[in-house]
């Protein structure tokens, strides 16, 4: 019942049943068999119009000798290794005409995975790995398999052979000595690694250009007040441990990379600091377009944003950000008080 998609389901369809399922309006000669189904649910191919040999066999309706032509289920499966996987299915069969189905892989239906047959264990949930063959209609164990040529995600497919089949679970086993018992092993889930989350610019939902302080702005190492790279915070900062750099402005420059004029809202992204409320200025070709001061805070390194509306930019314009290191006199440090470092993370062009 965990299939990802079902196709070719106009004449026969896999339907899910569990304890909460109401009675259904389709042809079916038996009752639901939720008890004993793993996970409390299973699939059945309905309508079921051929329940015994005396009822008419209609190719393409209640029987499909060719796999992949009717009621195809698809399961994306993450294989950790290549190899031959033996197929085990768990089904509930009540007669001779509801006990066969086909398996396939990646759009192909190899002979080795067609005609899984359930002969023994009628009127109960039963495991089988036997392939129906002309010389042996019930087949022998471990005669059904798929060959996976490379690790990775492959699509395992199941299609109808006979209507009325009830399917609870299937297992793919590399070990030919493996034989499932009872409800079989728990269903396995591939859980992908968590996608990387934002580590900066948390309040930014969209942008045309995003100029990062560390990557896109140029600084001058021999400037009177240089910036240093605060890698852990992805910010440029001033070394306020040096008294001669305090209460003075450092500068970094970004060249607008657009190839045509544009009007943008500029958003400066700074970091608040408990020991001082640094001042910031944004200039375009040395023309002041914004001047701001960080808010007081009880928490270091929280992003603050300051917006400059409708700034006209031409190709090649130089955008500069300047900031200073200041103290608010709140945090003692030696014979004086601690200084902020004018940290900022970048400039957003919306």
Protein backbone atom coordinates (compact mmCIF):
# COMPACT_ATOMS: atom_id res chain seq x y z
CA UNK A 1 0.00 0.00 0.00
CA UNK A 2 3.05 2.30 0.00
CA UNK A 3 3.27 2.49 -3.79
CA UNK A 4 4.23 5.83 -5.33
CA UNK A 5 2.02 5.58 -8.42
CA UNK A 6 -0.47 3.33 -10.20
CA UNK A 7 -1.08 3.29 -13.93
CA UNK A 8 -3.10 1.41 -16.56
CA UNK A 9 -5.87 1.10 -13.99
CA UNK A 10 -9.00 1.66 -16.12
CA UNK A 11 -10.20 -1.97 -16.18
CA UNK A 12 -8.67 -3.37 -12.99
CA UNK A 13 -7.23 -1.44 -10.08
CA UNK A 14 -5.29 -2.11 -6.90
CA UNK A 15 -7.44 -0.88 -3.99
CA UNK A 16 -6.31 -0.44 -0.41
CA UNK A 17 -8.23 -2.06 2.44
CA UNK A 18 -7.86 -1.74 6.21
CA UNK A 19 -10.05 -2.04 9.30
CA UNK A 20 -11.75 1.27 8.54
CA UNK A 21 -12.59 0.39 4.92
CA UNK A 22 -16.32 0.26 4.16
CA UNK A 23 -17.86 -2.42 1.97
CA UNK A 24 -17.19 -1.81 -1.70
CA UNK A 25 -19.40 -1.96 -4.81
CA UNK A 26 -17.07 -4.08 -6.97
CA UNK A 27 -17.38 -7.73 -7.96
CA UNK A 28 -15.57 -9.82 -5.34
CA UNK A 29 -16.26 -13.36 -4.15
CA UNK A 30 -14.65 -13.09 -0.73
CA UNK A 31 -14.60 -10.89 2.36
CA UNK A 32 -11.83 -8.54 3.46
CA UNK A 33 -8.79 -10.12 5.11
CA UNK A 34 -7.40 -7.30 7.23
CA UNK A 35 -6.67 -9.59 10.16
CA UNK A 36 -3.10 -10.81 9.83
CA UNK A 37 -2.11 -8.21 7.25
CA UNK A 38 1.11 -6.42 8.14
CA UNK A 39 0.51 -2.81 9.04
CA UNK A 40 -3.20 -3.59 9.19
CA UNK A 41 -3.68 -2.97 5.44
CA UNK A 42 -3.31 -4.66 2.07
CA UNK A 43 -4.11 -4.25 -1.64
CA UNK A 44 -6.60 -6.19 -3.75
CA UNK A 45 -7.07 -6.19 -7.54
CA UNK A 46 -10.72 -5.45 -8.30
CA UNK A 47 -13.21 -6.10 -9.78
CA UNK A 48 -12.73 -9.86 -9.48
CA UNK A 49 -14.78 -11.55 -12.21
CA UNK A 50 -12.89 -14.82 -12.64
CA UNK A 51 -12.76 -16.77 -9.40
CA UNK A 52 -12.57 -20.33 -10.78
CA UNK A 53 -11.85 -22.27 -13.97
CA UNK A 54 -15.51 -22.36 -15.01
CA UNK A 55 -15.76 -18.59 -15.37
CA UNK A 56 -14.66 -17.07 -18.66
CA UNK A 57 -11.05 -15.95 -19.03
CA UNK A 58 -10.87 -12.63 -20.88
CA UNK A 59 -7.41 -11.46 -21.88
CA UNK A 60 -6.89 -7.79 -21.12
CA UNK A 61 -9.77 -7.76 -18.67
CA UNK A 62 -9.61 -10.37 -15.91
CA UNK A 63 -6.29 -11.88 -17.01
CA UNK A 64 -3.01 -10.49 -18.32
CA UNK A 65 -0.42 -13.03 -19.35
CA UNK A 66 1.85 -10.25 -20.55
CA UNK A 67 3.32 -8.13 -17.71
CA UNK A 68 3.05 -4.36 -17.61
CA UNK A 69 -0.26 -4.13 -19.47
CA UNK A 70 -2.73 -3.76 -16.59
CA UNK A 71 -2.80 -2.22 -13.09
CA UNK A 72 0.88 -1.33 -12.73
CA UNK A 73 2.20 -0.27 -9.32
CA UNK A 74 5.50 1.62 -8.98
CA UNK A 75 7.80 1.68 -5.96
CA UNK A 76 11.00 3.75 -5.92
CA UNK A 77 13.52 1.59 -4.05
CA UNK A 78 16.96 2.68 -2.87
CA UNK A 79 19.37 -0.23 -3.42
CA UNK A 80 22.60 0.04 -1.44
CA UNK A 81 24.30 -2.57 -3.60
CA UNK A 82 23.97 -4.32 -6.93
CA UNK A 83 23.16 -8.02 -7.18
CA UNK A 84 20.49 -10.63 -7.70
CA UNK A 85 17.49 -10.04 -5.46
CA UNK A 86 15.09 -12.93 -4.85
CA UNK A 87 11.46 -11.82 -4.75
CA UNK A 88 9.13 -12.93 -1.99
CA UNK A 89 5.48 -11.90 -1.99
CA UNK A 90 2.88 -12.26 0.77
CA UNK A 91 -0.62 -12.83 -0.55
CA UNK A 92 -4.06 -14.15 0.44
CA UNK A 93 -5.53 -16.55 -2.11
CA UNK A 94 -8.94 -18.24 -1.94
CA UNK A 95 -9.01 -20.00 -5.29
CA UNK A 96 -7.06 -21.06 -8.39
CA UNK A 97 -7.60 -17.78 -10.27
CA UNK A 98 -6.46 -15.14 -7.80
CA UNK A 99 -2.91 -16.27 -7.16
CA UNK A 100 -0.59 -14.75 -9.76
CA UNK A 101 1.10 -11.44 -10.53
CA UNK A 102 4.17 -10.00 -12.29
CA UNK A 103 7.21 -8.05 -11.11
CA UNK A 104 9.44 -5.72 -13.14
CA UNK A 105 12.26 -3.19 -12.77
CA UNK A 106 12.85 0.24 -14.33
CA UNK A 107 10.28 -0.17 -17.10
CA UNK A 108 11.43 -3.67 -18.02
CA UNK A 109 9.74 -6.98 -17.28
CA UNK A 110 12.45 -9.67 -17.30
CA UNK A 111 11.37 -13.26 -17.73
CA UNK A 112 12.96 -14.03 -14.35
CA UNK A 113 10.46 -11.80 -12.48
CA UNK A 114 7.20 -12.71 -14.20
CA UNK A 115 4.41 -14.96 -12.87
CA UNK A 116 4.85 -15.05 -9.10
CA UNK A 117 2.56 -17.94 -8.12
CA UNK A 118 0.75 -18.77 -4.86
CA UNK A 119 -0.48 -22.37 -4.74
CA UNK A 120 0.01 -23.54 -1.16
CA UNK A 121 -1.49 -21.94 1.92
CA UNK A 122 -4.97 -21.10 0.70
CA UNK A 123 -7.27 -18.97 2.89
CA UNK A 124 -4.38 -17.43 4.81
CA UNK A 125 -1.58 -14.94 4.30
CA UNK A 126 1.19 -16.92 2.62
CA UNK A 127 4.71 -16.24 1.33
CA UNK A 128 5.94 -17.42 -2.07
CA UNK A 129 9.03 -16.96 -4.23
CA UNK A 130 7.93 -19.46 -6.88
CA UNK A 131 7.58 -18.75 -10.59
CA UNK A 132 4.81 -20.44 -12.54
CA UNK A 133 6.32 -22.37 -15.49
CA UNK A 134 4.78 -24.57 -18.20
CA UNK A 135 6.23 -27.74 -16.70
CA UNK A 136 5.38 -26.73 -13.11
CA UNK A 137 2.38 -24.46 -12.62
CA UNK A 138 3.01 -24.02 -8.89
CA UNK A 139 6.73 -23.45 -9.35
CA UNK A 140 9.64 -23.98 -7.00
CA UNK A 141 10.98 -21.65 -4.28
CA UNK A 142 13.59 -19.05 -5.23
CA UNK A 143 12.77 -19.13 -8.93
CA UNK A 144 11.73 -15.47 -9.10
CA UNK A 145 14.30 -12.64 -9.04
CA UNK A 146 15.43 -9.30 -10.41
CA UNK A 147 19.03 -8.38 -11.24
CA UNK A 148 20.04 -4.88 -10.08
CA UNK A 149 23.07 -3.75 -12.04
CA UNK A 150 24.07 -0.69 -9.99
CA UNK A 151 23.32 0.81 -6.57
CA UNK A 152 20.90 3.72 -6.37
CA UNK A 153 17.21 4.37 -6.82
CA UNK A 154 15.38 1.95 -9.09
CA UNK A 155 11.67 1.53 -9.77
CA UNK A 156 10.25 -1.83 -8.73
CA UNK A 157 6.97 -2.54 -10.51
CA UNK A 158 4.08 -4.93 -9.93
CA UNK A 159 1.39 -5.62 -12.51
CA UNK A 160 -1.72 -7.75 -12.76
CA UNK A 161 -1.77 -11.33 -13.97
CA UNK A 162 -5.07 -12.43 -12.40
CA UNK A 163 -7.77 -10.26 -10.85
CA UNK A 164 -8.74 -10.79 -7.22
CA UNK A 165 -5.14 -11.06 -6.01
CA UNK A 166 -4.65 -9.74 -2.46
CA UNK A 167 -1.12 -8.50 -1.77
CA UNK A 168 0.23 -7.53 1.65
CA UNK A 169 4.00 -7.18 1.31
CA UNK A 170 6.98 -8.01 -0.84
CA UNK A 171 10.59 -8.58 0.14
CA UNK A 172 13.73 -8.38 -2.01
CA UNK A 173 16.49 -10.57 -0.56
CA UNK A 174 20.12 -10.91 -1.64
CA UNK A 175 20.55 -14.01 0.53
CA UNK A 176 19.05 -17.11 -1.14
CA UNK A 177 18.87 -18.75 2.29
CA UNK A 178 16.49 -16.06 3.56
CA UNK A 179 12.86 -17.08 4.00
CA UNK A 180 10.33 -14.65 5.53
CA UNK A 181 8.06 -15.91 8.28
CA UNK A 182 4.84 -14.55 9.74
CA UNK A 183 4.39 -10.95 8.68
CA UNK A 184 8.00 -10.82 7.54
CA UNK A 185 10.52 -8.09 8.29
CA UNK A 186 9.44 -4.55 9.03
CA UNK A 187 9.10 -2.37 5.96
CA UNK A 188 12.29 -0.45 5.26
CA UNK A 189 12.43 3.24 4.56
CA UNK A 190 15.24 5.17 2.92
CA UNK A 191 15.53 8.46 4.80
CA UNK A 192 17.60 11.01 2.85
CA UNK A 193 19.95 13.34 4.65
CA UNK A 194 18.39 16.61 5.76
CA UNK A 195 18.69 19.36 3.20
CA UNK A 196 21.09 22.16 4.15
CA UNK A 197 19.30 24.99 5.90
CA UNK A 198 20.01 28.69 5.75
CA UNK A 199 23.03 29.70 7.80
CA UNK A 200 22.66 33.37 7.01
CA UNK A 201 20.15 35.86 5.54
CA UNK A 202 17.36 34.23 7.53
CA UNK A 203 14.84 36.99 6.94
CA UNK A 204 15.39 37.15 3.18
CA UNK A 205 12.66 35.42 1.20
CA UNK A 206 13.61 36.48 -2.35
CA UNK A 207 16.21 38.50 -4.19
CA UNK A 208 17.60 39.39 -7.59
CA UNK A 209 21.21 39.56 -6.39
CA UNK A 210 22.70 38.58 -3.06
CA UNK A 211 26.15 40.05 -2.39
CA UNK A 212 27.84 38.25 0.50
CA UNK A 213 30.29 40.22 2.59
CA UNK A 214 32.89 37.43 2.62
CA UNK A 215 32.58 36.38 -1.02
CA UNK A 216 31.50 39.35 -3.10
CA UNK A 217 32.84 42.46 -1.40
CA UNK A 218 36.44 43.64 -1.79
CA UNK A 219 38.43 44.89 1.16
CA UNK A 220 41.86 46.51 1.45
CA UNK A 221 44.24 44.78 3.84
CA UNK A 222 46.42 47.90 4.13
CA UNK A 223 43.51 50.26 4.75
CA UNK A 224 43.74 52.55 7.74
CA UNK A 225 40.81 50.61 9.25
CA UNK A 226 40.73 47.14 7.67
CA UNK A 227 38.07 44.48 7.94
CA UNK A 228 38.93 40.91 8.89
CA UNK A 229 36.97 37.81 7.92
CA UNK A 230 34.86 36.39 10.74
CA UNK A 231 34.36 32.98 9.12
CA UNK A 232 32.28 31.47 11.91
CA UNK A 233 29.67 34.22 11.54
CA UNK A 234 30.05 34.64 7.75
CA UNK A 235 30.68 38.32 8.31
CA UNK A 236 33.20 41.10 7.90
CA UNK A 237 34.31 42.65 11.18
CA UNK A 238 36.72 45.20 12.69
CA UNK A 239 39.38 44.09 15.16
CA UNK A 240 38.32 46.27 18.09
CA UNK A 241 41.03 44.70 20.24
CA UNK A 242 43.27 47.28 18.60
CA UNK A 243 42.43 50.66 20.21
CA UNK A 244 43.44 52.61 17.10
CA UNK A 245 40.64 50.91 15.12
CA UNK A 246 37.85 51.84 17.52
CA UNK A 247 35.24 54.49 16.65
CA UNK A 248 36.45 54.56 13.06
CA UNK A 249 34.90 53.25 9.85
CA UNK A 250 36.09 50.32 7.74
CA UNK A 251 34.99 49.99 4.11
CA UNK A 252 34.24 47.19 1.60
CA UNK A 253 33.08 47.54 -2.01
CA UNK A 254 30.89 45.53 -4.39
CA UNK A 255 30.51 46.09 -8.13
CA UNK A 256 26.94 45.82 -9.41
CA UNK A 257 27.04 42.85 -11.82
CA UNK A 258 23.81 43.49 -13.74
CA UNK A 259 24.18 44.17 -17.47
CA UNK A 260 21.40 46.77 -17.61
CA UNK A 261 20.08 49.57 -15.38
CA UNK A 262 17.68 48.63 -12.65
CA UNK A 263 15.80 49.92 -9.63
CA UNK A 264 16.22 47.89 -6.45
CA UNK A 265 15.38 47.84 -2.80
CA UNK A 266 18.75 47.40 -1.09
CA UNK A 267 18.72 45.46 2.18
CA UNK A 268 21.78 45.58 4.40
CA UNK A 269 22.09 42.53 6.68
CA UNK A 270 24.08 43.21 9.88
CA UNK A 271 24.74 41.34 13.12
CA UNK A 272 23.69 42.79 16.45
CA UNK A 273 26.22 42.79 19.31
CA UNK A 274 25.69 43.11 23.04
CA UNK A 275 28.68 45.36 23.63
CA UNK A 276 27.87 48.14 21.16
CA UNK A 277 25.45 49.45 18.56
CA UNK A 278 27.60 49.89 15.47
CA UNK A 279 26.73 52.44 12.79
CA UNK A 280 26.50 51.49 9.09
CA UNK A 281 26.42 53.44 5.86
CA UNK A 282 25.69 52.33 2.31
CA UNK A 283 27.00 54.38 -0.60
CA UNK A 284 26.57 54.10 -4.37
CA UNK A 285 29.49 55.68 -6.24
CA UNK A 286 30.30 57.44 -2.93
CA UNK A 287 26.77 58.85 -2.70
CA UNK A 288 25.11 58.06 0.62
CA UNK A 289 21.88 56.08 0.14
CA UNK A 290 21.40 54.76 3.67
CA UNK A 291 22.64 55.28 7.21
CA UNK A 292 21.68 53.00 10.09
CA UNK A 293 22.49 51.98 13.65
CA UNK A 294 22.20 48.48 15.07
CA UNK A 295 19.52 48.08 17.74
CA UNK A 296 20.50 47.26 21.32
CA UNK A 297 20.34 43.54 22.02
CA UNK A 298 20.73 40.95 24.74
CA UNK A 299 21.88 38.30 22.24
CA UNK A 300 24.99 38.41 20.09
CA UNK A 301 24.95 37.80 16.36
CA UNK A 302 21.27 38.16 15.57
CA UNK A 303 20.62 39.41 12.06
CA UNK A 304 19.21 42.91 11.64
CA UNK A 305 18.04 44.24 8.28
CA UNK A 306 17.88 47.79 6.99
CA UNK A 307 16.10 48.64 3.74
CA UNK A 308 16.81 51.40 1.20
CA UNK A 309 13.86 51.71 -1.21
CA UNK A 310 14.09 52.28 -4.97
CA UNK A 311 17.81 52.71 -5.49
CA UNK A 312 18.74 53.20 -9.17
CA UNK A 313 21.80 51.21 -10.29
CA UNK A 314 23.75 51.29 -13.54
CA UNK A 315 26.09 48.54 -14.82
CA UNK A 316 29.45 48.91 -13.11
CA UNK A 317 28.19 51.02 -10.18
CA UNK A 318 30.25 50.63 -7.00
CA UNK A 319 28.34 49.93 -3.82
CA UNK A 320 30.23 50.44 -0.57
CA UNK A 321 29.34 49.37 2.96
CA UNK A 322 31.09 51.00 5.91
CA UNK A 323 30.74 50.27 9.61
CA UNK A 324 32.45 51.10 12.89
CA UNK A 325 33.41 49.50 16.20
CA UNK A 326 31.80 51.20 19.21
CA UNK A 327 31.05 50.56 22.87
CA UNK A 328 27.86 51.10 24.80
CA UNK A 329 29.72 50.97 28.12
CA UNK A 330 27.73 47.99 29.35
CA UNK A 331 30.29 45.18 29.41
CA UNK A 332 33.53 45.67 31.41
CA UNK A 333 36.71 44.55 29.69
CA UNK A 334 40.04 45.25 31.41
CA UNK A 335 40.32 48.96 32.20
CA UNK A 336 37.56 49.89 29.74
CA UNK A 337 34.42 48.34 28.25
CA UNK A 338 33.97 45.90 25.36
CA UNK A 339 33.44 47.13 21.81
CA UNK A 340 31.26 45.84 19.05
CA UNK A 341 33.05 45.00 15.81
CA UNK A 342 30.70 46.38 13.18
CA UNK A 343 29.86 42.94 11.83
CA UNK A 344 27.69 42.54 8.73
CA UNK A 345 26.87 39.67 6.37
CA UNK A 346 25.94 41.22 3.06
CA UNK A 347 23.69 43.27 0.86
CA UNK A 348 20.52 42.07 -0.86
CA UNK A 349 19.18 43.54 -4.10
CA UNK A 350 15.43 42.98 -4.52
